Amino acid sequence: MVEVDGIPVLLIRHRGEVFAVAARCPHMGAPLKSGRITEDGYLVCPWHRSAFSLRTGDVAQWTPWPPGVGKVLGALRREHALPVYPVQVDKGRIWIGMP
């Protein structure tokens, strides 16, 4: 995790590409640093298992965990995409575009 302009950002290398995404889940703000990356490029929140595209931040799954209770937890906050930031790698340096 790095901080850019006061915003915590996760840098993730997946299949030779570098991605920069928000470090906290948009559901309830849980840290994503312990999340897992799926083979097809989704970051899965370790808390409620919401899944987000590394490339676009789009939601693939919203709070499916724990079973039964996940739907209630998901209703506490409506579905939101994970913020993603443009990345450029140049001569071993990583540049992150921030809003």
PDB file of N, CA and C in Angstrom:
ATOM      1  N   MET A   1       0.840  -1.170   0.000  1.00  0.00           N
ATOM      2  CA  MET A   1       0.000   0.000   0.000  1.00  0.00           C
ATOM      3  C   MET A   1       0.890   1.240   0.000  1.00  0.00           C
ATOM      4  N   VAL A   2       0.458   2.245  -0.737  1.00  0.00           N
ATOM      5  CA  VAL A   2       1.133   3.537  -0.768  1.00  0.00           C
ATOM      6  C   VAL A   2       0.080   4.618  -0.514  1.00  0.00           C
ATOM      7  N   GLU A   3       0.552   5.804  -0.205  1.00  0.00           N
ATOM      8  CA  GLU A   3      -0.366   6.923  -0.029  1.00  0.00           C
ATOM      9  C   GLU A   3      -0.015   7.979  -1.063  1.00  0.00           C
ATOM     10  N   VAL A   4      -1.014   8.418  -1.812  1.00  0.00           N
ATOM     11  CA  VAL A   4      -0.824   9.431  -2.845  1.00  0.00           C
ATOM     12  C   VAL A   4      -1.766  10.588  -2.548  1.00  0.00           C
ATOM     13  N   ASP A   5      -1.209  11.745  -2.312  1.00  0.00           N
ATOM     14  CA  ASP A   5      -2.015  12.921  -1.961  1.00  0.00           C
ATOM     15  C   ASP A   5      -2.976  12.631  -0.807  1.00  0.00           C
ATOM     16  N   GLY A   6      -2.505  11.863   0.166  1.00  0.00           N
ATOM     17  CA  GLY A   6      -3.314  11.537   1.332  1.00  0.00           C
ATOM     18  C   GLY A   6      -4.323  10.428   1.123  1.00  0.00           C
ATOM     19  N   ILE A   7      -4.326   9.818  -0.062  1.00  0.00           N
ATOM     20  CA  ILE A   7      -5.280   8.742  -0.383  1.00  0.00           C
ATOM     21  C   ILE A   7      -4.543   7.403  -0.370  1.00  0.00           C
ATOM     22  N   PRO A   8      -4.984   6.435   0.473  1.00  0.00           N
ATOM     23  CA  PRO A   8      -4.342   5.121   0.473  1.00  0.00           C
ATOM     24  C   PRO A   8      -4.691   4.346  -0.801  1.00  0.00           C
ATOM     25  N   VAL A   9      -3.653   3.827  -1.454  1.00  0.00           N
ATOM     26  CA  VAL A   9      -3.805   3.135  -2.735  1.00  0.00           C
ATOM     27  C   VAL A   9      -3.086   1.794  -2.665  1.00  0.00           C
ATOM     28  N   LEU A  10      -3.726   0.755  -3.190  1.00  0.00           N
ATOM     29  CA  LEU A  10      -3.067  -0.541  -3.331  1.00  0.00           C
ATOM     30  C   LEU A  10      -2.466  -0.633  -4.715  1.00  0.00           C
ATOM     31  N   LEU A  11      -1.210  -1.029  -4.770  1.00  0.00           N
ATOM     32  CA  LEU A  11      -0.570  -1.335  -6.050  1.00  0.00           C
ATOM     33  C   LEU A  11      -0.550  -2.846  -6.180  1.00  0.00           C
ATOM     34  N   ILE A  12      -1.050  -3.331  -7.298  1.00  0.00           N
ATOM     35  CA  ILE A  12      -1.177  -4.778  -7.504  1.00  0.00           C
ATOM     36  C   ILE A  12      -0.591  -5.131  -8.858  1.00  0.00           C
ATOM     37  N   ARG A  13       0.297  -6.127  -8.857  1.00  0.00           N
ATOM     38  CA  ARG A  13       0.817  -6.652 -10.116  1.00  0.00           C
ATOM     39  C   ARG A  13       0.089  -7.963 -10.380  1.00  0.00           C
ATOM     40  N   HIS A  14      -0.561  -8.016 -11.540  1.00  0.00           N
ATOM     41  CA  HIS A  14      -1.307  -9.222 -11.921  1.00  0.00           C
ATOM     42  C   HIS A  14      -1.058  -9.501 -13.397  1.00  0.00           C
ATOM     43  N   ARG A  15      -0.532 -10.669 -13.672  1.00  0.00           N
ATOM     44  CA  ARG A  15      -0.263 -11.098 -15.050  1.00  0.00           C
ATOM     45  C   ARG A  15       0.549 -10.070 -15.837  1.00  0.00           C
ATOM     46  N   GLY A  16       1.575  -9.519 -15.173  1.00  0.00           N
ATOM     47  CA  GLY A  16       2.484  -8.607 -15.843  1.00  0.00           C
ATOM     48  C   GLY A  16       2.024  -7.162 -15.918  1.00  0.00           C
ATOM     49  N   GLU A  17       0.836  -6.864 -15.424  1.00  0.00           N
ATOM     50  CA  GLU A  17       0.332  -5.486 -15.428  1.00  0.00           C
ATOM     51  C   GLU A  17       0.289  -4.956 -14.008  1.00  0.00           C
ATOM     52  N   VAL A  18       0.422  -3.642 -13.881  1.00  0.00           N
ATOM     53  CA  VAL A  18       0.325  -3.000 -12.578  1.00  0.00           C
ATOM     54  C   VAL A  18      -0.998  -2.236 -12.520  1.00  0.00           C
ATOM     55  N   PHE A  19      -1.714  -2.418 -11.416  1.00  0.00           N
ATOM     56  CA  PHE A  19      -2.994  -1.756 -11.197  1.00  0.00           C
ATOM     57  C   PHE A  19      -2.922  -0.956  -9.905  1.00  0.00           C
ATOM     58  N   ALA A  20      -3.615   0.159  -9.868  1.00  0.00           N
ATOM     59  CA  ALA A  20      -3.729   0.978  -8.657  1.00  0.00           C
ATOM     60  C   ALA A  20      -5.212   1.122  -8.339  1.00  0.00           C
ATOM     61  N   VAL A  21      -5.585   0.696  -7.129  1.00  0.00           N
ATOM     62  CA  VAL A  21      -6.993   0.742  -6.712  1.00  0.00           C
ATOM     63  C   VAL A  21      -7.075   1.303  -5.294  1.00  0.00           C
ATOM     64  N   ALA A  22      -8.257   1.752  -4.921  1.00  0.00           N
ATOM     65  CA  ALA A  22      -8.477   2.224  -3.559  1.00  0.00           C
ATOM     66  C   ALA A  22      -8.138   1.114  -2.571  1.00  0.00           C
ATOM     67  N   ALA A  23      -7.563   1.482  -1.445  1.00  0.00           N
ATOM     68  CA  ALA A  23      -7.114   0.502  -0.459  1.00  0.00           C
ATOM     69  C   ALA A  23      -8.223   0.031   0.473  1.00  0.00           C
ATOM     70  N   ARG A  24      -9.400   0.651   0.379  1.00  0.00           N
ATOM     71  CA  ARG A  24     -10.514   0.270   1.248  1.00  0.00           C
ATOM     72  C   ARG A  24     -11.737  -0.110   0.410  1.00  0.00           C
ATOM     73  N   CYS A  25     -12.440  -1.108   0.876  1.00  0.00           N
ATOM     74  CA  CYS A  25     -13.631  -1.593   0.188  1.00  0.00           C
ATOM     75  C   CYS A  25     -14.724  -0.516   0.224  1.00  0.00           C
ATOM     76  N   PRO A  26     -15.394  -0.265  -0.910  1.00  0.00           N
ATOM     77  CA  PRO A  26     -16.455   0.737  -0.916  1.00  0.00           C
ATOM     78  C   PRO A  26     -17.709   0.315  -0.149  1.00  0.00           C
ATOM     79  N   HIS A  27     -17.767  -0.936   0.292  1.00  0.00           N
ATOM     80  CA  HIS A  27     -18.938  -1.396   1.038  1.00  0.00           C
ATOM     81  C   HIS A  27     -18.966  -0.783   2.437  1.00  0.00           C
ATOM     82  N   MET A  28     -17.972  -1.106   3.259  1.00  0.00           N
ATOM     83  CA  MET A  28     -17.949  -0.587   4.627  1.00  0.00           C
ATOM     84  C   MET A  28     -16.569  -0.060   5.023  1.00  0.00           C
ATOM     85  N   GLY A  29     -15.707   0.152   4.052  1.00  0.00           N
ATOM     86  CA  GLY A  29     -14.402   0.740   4.335  1.00  0.00           C
ATOM     87  C   GLY A  29     -13.363  -0.216   4.876  1.00  0.00           C
ATOM     88  N   ALA A  30     -13.614  -1.503   4.776  1.00  0.00           N
ATOM     89  CA  ALA A  30     -12.649  -2.491   5.279  1.00  0.00           C
ATOM     90  C   ALA A  30     -11.375  -2.473   4.420  1.00  0.00           C
ATOM     91  N   PRO A  31     -10.215  -2.714   5.042  1.00  0.00           N
ATOM     92  CA  PRO A  31      -8.972  -2.727   4.263  1.00  0.00           C
ATOM     93  C   PRO A  31      -8.947  -3.906   3.287  1.00  0.00           C
ATOM     94  N   LEU A  32      -8.452  -3.629   2.090  1.00  0.00           N
ATOM     95  CA  LEU A  32      -8.393  -4.657   1.044  1.00  0.00           C
ATOM     96  C   LEU A  32      -7.016  -5.297   0.908  1.00  0.00           C
ATOM     97  N   LYS A  33      -6.042  -4.859   1.713  1.00  0.00           N
ATOM     98  CA  LYS A  33      -4.677  -5.341   1.540  1.00  0.00           C
ATOM     99  C   LYS A  33      -4.539  -6.854   1.717  1.00  0.00           C
ATOM    100  N   SER A  34      -5.455  -7.493   2.403  1.00  0.00           N
ATOM    101  CA  SER A  34      -5.412  -8.949   2.560  1.00  0.00           C
ATOM    102  C   SER A  34      -6.348  -9.666   1.591  1.00  0.00           C
ATOM    103  N   GLY A  35      -6.930  -8.903   0.671  1.00  0.00           N
ATOM    104  CA  GLY A  35      -7.825  -9.512  -0.311  1.00  0.00           C
ATOM    105  C   GLY A  35      -7.071 -10.428  -1.255  1.00  0.00           C
ATOM    106  N   ARG A  36      -7.801 -11.263  -1.947  1.00  0.00           N
ATOM    107  CA  ARG A  36      -7.155 -12.170  -2.910  1.00  0.00           C
ATOM    108  C   ARG A  36      -7.487 -11.717  -4.324  1.00  0.00           C
ATOM    109  N   ILE A  37      -6.603 -12.065  -5.235  1.00  0.00           N
ATOM    110  CA  ILE A  37      -6.784 -11.741  -6.646  1.00  0.00           C
ATOM    111  C   ILE A  37      -7.186 -13.028  -7.360  1.00  0.00           C
ATOM    112  N   THR A  38      -8.265 -12.983  -8.108  1.00  0.00           N
ATOM    113  CA  THR A  38      -8.699 -14.170  -8.849  1.00  0.00           C
ATOM    114  C   THR A  38      -7.908 -14.275 -10.150  1.00  0.00           C
ATOM    115  N   GLU A  39      -7.945 -15.441 -10.740  1.00  0.00           N
ATOM    116  CA  GLU A  39      -7.241 -15.676 -12.007  1.00  0.00           C
ATOM    117  C   GLU A  39      -7.692 -14.718 -13.101  1.00  0.00           C
ATOM    118  N   ASP A  40      -8.984 -14.359 -13.088  1.00  0.00           N
ATOM    119  CA  ASP A  40      -9.502 -13.488 -14.144  1.00  0.00           C
ATOM    120  C   ASP A  40      -9.450 -11.997 -13.787  1.00  0.00           C
ATOM    121  N   GLY A  41      -8.664 -11.634 -12.754  1.00  0.00           N
ATOM    122  CA  GLY A  41      -8.381 -10.234 -12.487  1.00  0.00           C
ATOM    123  C   GLY A  41      -9.370  -9.480 -11.631  1.00  0.00           C
ATOM    124  N   TYR A  42      -9.898 -10.142 -10.609  1.00  0.00           N
ATOM    125  CA  TYR A  42     -10.792  -9.482  -9.664  1.00  0.00           C
ATOM    126  C   TYR A  42     -10.160  -9.478  -8.278  1.00  0.00           C
ATOM    127  N   LEU A  43     -10.325  -8.381  -7.568  1.00  0.00           N
ATOM    128  CA  LEU A  43      -9.892  -8.269  -6.182  1.00  0.00           C
ATOM    129  C   LEU A  43     -11.089  -8.600  -5.310  1.00  0.00           C
ATOM    130  N   VAL A  44     -10.911  -9.573  -4.409  1.00  0.00           N
ATOM    131  CA  VAL A  44     -11.994 -10.030  -3.542  1.00  0.00           C
ATOM    132  C   VAL A  44     -11.733  -9.539  -2.124  1.00  0.00           C
ATOM    133  N   CYS A  45     -12.682  -8.791  -1.580  1.00  0.00           N
ATOM    134  CA  CYS A  45     -12.570  -8.262  -0.226  1.00  0.00           C
ATOM    135  C   CYS A  45     -12.517  -9.417   0.777  1.00  0.00           C
ATOM    136  N   PRO A  46     -11.558  -9.376   1.720  1.00  0.00           N
ATOM    137  CA  PRO A  46     -11.456 -10.470   2.688  1.00  0.00           C
ATOM    138  C   PRO A  46     -12.565 -10.470   3.737  1.00  0.00           C
ATOM    139  N   TRP A  47     -13.351  -9.418   3.813  1.00  0.00           N
ATOM    140  CA  TRP A  47     -14.364  -9.316   4.860  1.00  0.00           C
ATOM    141  C   TRP A  47     -15.729  -9.843   4.428  1.00  0.00           C
ATOM    142  N   HIS A  48     -16.287  -9.335   3.340  1.00  0.00           N
ATOM    143  CA  HIS A  48     -17.618  -9.765   2.906  1.00  0.00           C
ATOM    144  C   HIS A  48     -17.605 -10.344   1.499  1.00  0.00           C
ATOM    145  N   ARG A  49     -16.394 -10.519   0.952  1.00  0.00           N
ATOM    146  CA  ARG A  49     -16.165 -11.183  -0.341  1.00  0.00           C
ATOM    147  C   ARG A  49     -16.751 -10.468  -1.548  1.00  0.00           C
ATOM    148  N   SER A  50     -16.946  -9.170  -1.442  1.00  0.00           N
ATOM    149  CA  SER A  50     -17.297  -8.416  -2.642  1.00  0.00           C
ATOM    150  C   SER A  50     -16.127  -8.528  -3.612  1.00  0.00           C
ATOM    151  N   ALA A  51     -16.400  -8.546  -4.913  1.00  0.00           N
ATOM    152  CA  ALA A  51     -15.352  -8.713  -5.923  1.00  0.00           C
ATOM    153  C   ALA A  51     -15.408  -7.553  -6.911  1.00  0.00           C
ATOM    154  N   PHE A  52     -14.215  -7.009  -7.223  1.00  0.00           N
ATOM    155  CA  PHE A  52     -14.107  -5.830  -8.079  1.00  0.00           C
ATOM    156  C   PHE A  52     -13.075  -6.059  -9.175  1.00  0.00           C
ATOM    157  N   SER A  53     -13.380  -5.588 -10.363  1.00  0.00           N
ATOM    158  CA  SER A  53     -12.439  -5.681 -11.481  1.00  0.00           C
ATOM    159  C   SER A  53     -11.226  -4.799 -11.195  1.00  0.00           C
ATOM    160  N   LEU A  54     -10.018  -5.349 -11.353  1.00  0.00           N
ATOM    161  CA  LEU A  54      -8.809  -4.545 -11.195  1.00  0.00           C
ATOM    162  C   LEU A  54      -8.718  -3.479 -12.280  1.00  0.00           C
ATOM    163  N   ARG A  55      -9.230  -3.778 -13.441  1.00  0.00           N
ATOM    164  CA  ARG A  55      -9.114  -2.883 -14.596  1.00  0.00           C
ATOM    165  C   ARG A  55     -10.104  -1.709 -14.535  1.00  0.00           C
ATOM    166  N   THR A  56     -11.348  -1.999 -14.140  1.00  0.00           N
ATOM    167  CA  THR A  56     -12.398  -0.969 -14.194  1.00  0.00           C
ATOM    168  C   THR A  56     -12.982  -0.600 -12.837  1.00  0.00           C
ATOM    169  N   GLY A  57     -12.808  -1.459 -11.847  1.00  0.00           N
ATOM    170  CA  GLY A  57     -13.425  -1.252 -10.541  1.00  0.00           C
ATOM    171  C   GLY A  57     -14.861  -1.730 -10.466  1.00  0.00           C
ATOM    172  N   ASP A  58     -15.399  -2.198 -11.589  1.00  0.00           N
ATOM    173  CA  ASP A  58     -16.789  -2.661 -11.622  1.00  0.00           C
ATOM    174  C   ASP A  58     -17.009  -3.803 -10.630  1.00  0.00           C
ATOM    175  N   VAL A  59     -18.212  -3.853 -10.081  1.00  0.00           N
ATOM    176  CA  VAL A  59     -18.583  -4.881  -9.113  1.00  0.00           C
ATOM    177  C   VAL A  59     -18.975  -6.157  -9.836  1.00  0.00           C
ATOM    178  N   ALA A  60     -18.338  -7.252  -9.483  1.00  0.00           N
ATOM    179  CA  ALA A  60     -18.708  -8.562 -10.019  1.00  0.00           C
ATOM    180  C   ALA A  60     -19.614  -9.290  -9.027  1.00  0.00           C
ATOM    181  N   GLN A  61     -19.431  -8.967  -7.742  1.00  0.00           N
ATOM    182  CA  GLN A  61     -20.212  -9.612  -6.691  1.00  0.00           C
ATOM    183  C   GLN A  61     -20.279  -8.642  -5.513  1.00  0.00           C
ATOM    184  N   TRP A  62     -21.435  -8.476  -4.915  1.00  0.00           N
ATOM    185  CA  TRP A  62     -21.597  -7.525  -3.822  1.00  0.00           C
ATOM    186  C   TRP A  62     -22.014  -8.252  -2.550  1.00  0.00           C
ATOM    187  N   THR A  63     -21.179  -8.282  -1.570  1.00  0.00           N
ATOM    188  CA  THR A  63     -21.368  -8.828  -0.210  1.00  0.00           C
ATOM    189  C   THR A  63     -22.082 -10.187  -0.148  1.00  0.00           C
ATOM    190  N   PRO A  64     -21.506 -11.223  -0.749  1.00  0.00           N
ATOM    191  CA  PRO A  64     -22.141 -12.531  -0.654  1.00  0.00           C
ATOM    192  C   PRO A  64     -21.854 -13.260   0.671  1.00  0.00           C
ATOM    193  N   TRP A  65     -21.027 -12.696   1.530  1.00  0.00           N
ATOM    194  CA  TRP A  65     -20.602 -13.384   2.746  1.00  0.00           C
ATOM    195  C   TRP A  65     -20.959 -12.558   3.965  1.00  0.00           C
ATOM    196  N   PRO A  66     -21.310 -13.146   5.053  1.00  0.00           N
ATOM    197  CA  PRO A  66     -21.625 -14.553   5.261  1.00  0.00           C
ATOM    198  C   PRO A  66     -22.960 -14.930   4.624  1.00  0.00           C
ATOM    199  N   PRO A  67     -23.131 -16.202   4.330  1.00  0.00           N
ATOM    200  CA  PRO A  67     -24.362 -16.644   3.663  1.00  0.00           C
ATOM    201  C   PRO A  67     -25.606 -16.170   4.418  1.00  0.00           C
ATOM    202  N   GLY A  68     -26.555 -15.675   3.668  1.00  0.00           N
ATOM    203  CA  GLY A  68     -27.801 -15.188   4.260  1.00  0.00           C
ATOM    204  C   GLY A  68     -27.663 -13.779   4.816  1.00  0.00           C
ATOM    205  N   VAL A  69     -26.669 -13.553   5.636  1.00  0.00           N
ATOM    206  CA  VAL A  69     -26.453 -12.247   6.260  1.00  0.00           C
ATOM    207  C   VAL A  69     -25.850 -11.265   5.257  1.00  0.00           C
ATOM    208  N   GLY A  70     -25.119 -11.773   4.275  1.00  0.00           N
ATOM    209  CA  GLY A  70     -24.468 -10.917   3.291  1.00  0.00           C
ATOM    210  C   GLY A  70     -25.430  -9.990   2.573  1.00  0.00           C
ATOM    211  N   LYS A  71     -26.616 -10.489   2.255  1.00  0.00           N
ATOM    212  CA  LYS A  71     -27.608  -9.644   1.573  1.00  0.00           C
ATOM    213  C   LYS A  71     -28.039  -8.483   2.463  1.00  0.00           C
ATOM    214  N   VAL A  72     -28.173  -8.730   3.743  1.00  0.00           N
ATOM    215  CA  VAL A  72     -28.534  -7.667   4.683  1.00  0.00           C
ATOM    216  C   VAL A  72     -27.393  -6.656   4.766  1.00  0.00           C
ATOM    217  N   LEU A  73     -26.162  -7.158   4.886  1.00  0.00           N
ATOM    218  CA  LEU A  73     -24.997  -6.268   4.949  1.00  0.00           C
ATOM    219  C   LEU A  73     -24.873  -5.442   3.672  1.00  0.00           C
ATOM    220  N   GLY A  74     -25.162  -6.064   2.536  1.00  0.00           N
ATOM    221  CA  GLY A  74     -25.107  -5.357   1.265  1.00  0.00           C
ATOM    222  C   GLY A  74     -26.143  -4.250   1.168  1.00  0.00           C
ATOM    223  N   ALA A  75     -27.258  -4.420   1.867  1.00  0.00           N
ATOM    224  CA  ALA A  75     -28.306  -3.402   1.844  1.00  0.00           C
ATOM    225  C   ALA A  75     -27.943  -2.187   2.700  1.00  0.00           C
ATOM    226  N   LEU A  76     -26.991  -2.355   3.619  1.00  0.00           N
ATOM    227  CA  LEU A  76     -26.575  -1.230   4.456  1.00  0.00           C
ATOM    228  C   LEU A  76     -25.947  -0.122   3.619  1.00  0.00           C
ATOM    229  N   ARG A  77     -25.309  -0.534   2.560  1.00  0.00           N
ATOM    230  CA  ARG A  77     -24.721   0.435   1.628  1.00  0.00           C
ATOM    231  C   ARG A  77     -24.909  -0.112   0.226  1.00  0.00           C
ATOM    232  N   ARG A  78     -25.475   0.721  -0.641  1.00  0.00           N
ATOM    233  CA  ARG A  78     -25.721   0.278  -2.009  1.00  0.00           C
ATOM    234  C   ARG A  78     -24.418  -0.056  -2.725  1.00  0.00           C
ATOM    235  N   GLU A  79     -24.529  -0.831  -3.759  1.00  0.00           N
ATOM    236  CA  GLU A  79     -23.386  -1.270  -4.560  1.00  0.00           C
ATOM    237  C   GLU A  79     -22.625  -0.073  -5.127  1.00  0.00           C
ATOM    238  N   HIS A  80     -21.305  -0.075  -4.952  1.00  0.00           N
ATOM    239  CA  HIS A  80     -20.430   0.974  -5.468  1.00  0.00           C
ATOM    240  C   HIS A  80     -19.195   0.337  -6.079  1.00  0.00           C
ATOM    241  N   ALA A  81     -18.758   0.880  -7.200  1.00  0.00           N
ATOM    242  CA  ALA A  81     -17.525   0.403  -7.836  1.00  0.00           C
ATOM    243  C   ALA A  81     -16.327   0.793  -6.976  1.00  0.00           C
ATOM    244  N   LEU A  82     -15.262   0.042  -7.110  1.00  0.00           N
ATOM    245  CA  LEU A  82     -13.996   0.330  -6.436  1.00  0.00           C
ATOM    246  C   LEU A  82     -13.252   1.381  -7.250  1.00  0.00           C
ATOM    247  N   PRO A  83     -12.830   2.480  -6.633  1.00  0.00           N
ATOM    248  CA  PRO A  83     -12.060   3.460  -7.393  1.00  0.00           C
ATOM    249  C   PRO A  83     -10.750   2.853  -7.920  1.00  0.00           C
ATOM    250  N   VAL A  84     -10.500   3.065  -9.188  1.00  0.00           N
ATOM    251  CA  VAL A  84      -9.241   2.639  -9.817  1.00  0.00           C
ATOM    252  C   VAL A  84      -8.562   3.885 -10.376  1.00  0.00           C
ATOM    253  N   TYR A  85      -7.242   3.840 -10.442  1.00  0.00           N
ATOM    254  CA  TYR A  85      -6.468   4.996 -10.879  1.00  0.00           C
ATOM    255  C   TYR A  85      -5.567   4.588 -12.039  1.00  0.00           C
ATOM    256  N   PRO A  86      -5.394   5.479 -13.010  1.00  0.00           N
ATOM    257  CA  PRO A  86      -4.514   5.144 -14.135  1.00  0.00           C
ATOM    258  C   PRO A  86      -3.063   5.005 -13.666  1.00  0.00           C
ATOM    259  N   VAL A  87      -2.384   4.030 -14.261  1.00  0.00           N
ATOM    260  CA  VAL A  87      -1.001   3.730 -13.887  1.00  0.00           C
ATOM    261  C   VAL A  87      -0.120   3.774 -15.127  1.00  0.00           C
ATOM    262  N   GLN A  88       1.066   4.309 -14.939  1.00  0.00           N
ATOM    263  CA  GLN A  88       2.076   4.279 -15.996  1.00  0.00           C
ATOM    264  C   GLN A  88       3.382   3.837 -15.360  1.00  0.00           C
ATOM    265  N   VAL A  89       4.029   2.859 -15.971  1.00  0.00           N
ATOM    266  CA  VAL A  89       5.329   2.393 -15.500  1.00  0.00           C
ATOM    267  C   VAL A  89       6.367   2.885 -16.498  1.00  0.00           C
ATOM    268  N   ASP A  90       7.357   3.615 -15.985  1.00  0.00           N
ATOM    269  CA  ASP A  90       8.380   4.200 -16.842  1.00  0.00           C
ATOM    270  C   ASP A  90       9.742   4.092 -16.159  1.00  0.00           C
ATOM    271  N   LYS A  91      10.641   3.332 -16.770  1.00  0.00           N
ATOM    272  CA  LYS A  91      12.007   3.175 -16.258  1.00  0.00           C
ATOM    273  C   LYS A  91      12.028   2.749 -14.792  1.00  0.00           C
ATOM    274  N   GLY A  92      11.170   1.788 -14.436  1.00  0.00           N
ATOM    275  CA  GLY A  92      11.141   1.255 -13.087  1.00  0.00           C
ATOM    276  C   GLY A  92      10.360   2.090 -12.089  1.00  0.00           C
ATOM    277  N   ARG A  93       9.809   3.192 -12.522  1.00  0.00           N
ATOM    278  CA  ARG A  93       8.991   4.028 -11.642  1.00  0.00           C
ATOM    279  C   ARG A  93       7.521   3.862 -11.986  1.00  0.00           C
ATOM    280  N   ILE A  94       6.697   3.926 -10.955  1.00  0.00           N
ATOM    281  CA  ILE A  94       5.262   3.791 -11.140  1.00  0.00           C
ATOM    282  C   ILE A  94       4.615   5.145 -10.906  1.00  0.00           C
ATOM    283  N   TRP A  95       3.886   5.615 -11.897  1.00  0.00           N
ATOM    284  CA  TRP A  95       3.165   6.884 -11.805  1.00  0.00           C
ATOM    285  C   TRP A  95       1.679   6.592 -11.708  1.00  0.00           C
ATOM    286  N   ILE A  96       1.033   7.200 -10.727  1.00  0.00           N
ATOM    287  CA  ILE A  96      -0.393   6.983 -10.498  1.00  0.00           C
ATOM    288  C   ILE A  96      -1.117   8.301 -10.743  1.00  0.00           C
ATOM    289  N   GLY A  97      -2.111   8.274 -11.615  1.00  0.00           N
ATOM    290  CA  GLY A  97      -2.927   9.461 -11.879  1.00  0.00           C
ATOM    291  C   GLY A  97      -4.021   9.567 -10.841  1.00  0.00           C
ATOM    292  N   MET A  98      -4.045  10.688 -10.146  1.00  0.00           N
ATOM    293  CA  MET A  98      -5.062  10.882  -9.111  1.00  0.00           C
ATOM    294  C   MET A  98      -6.035  11.971  -9.556  1.00  0.00           C
ATOM    295  N   PRO A  99      -7.298  11.865  -9.095  1.00  0.00           N
ATOM    296  CA  PRO A  99      -8.286  12.884  -9.469  1.00  0.00           C
ATOM    297  C   PRO A  99      -7.947  14.247  -8.880  1.00  0.00           C
TER     298      PRO A  99
END
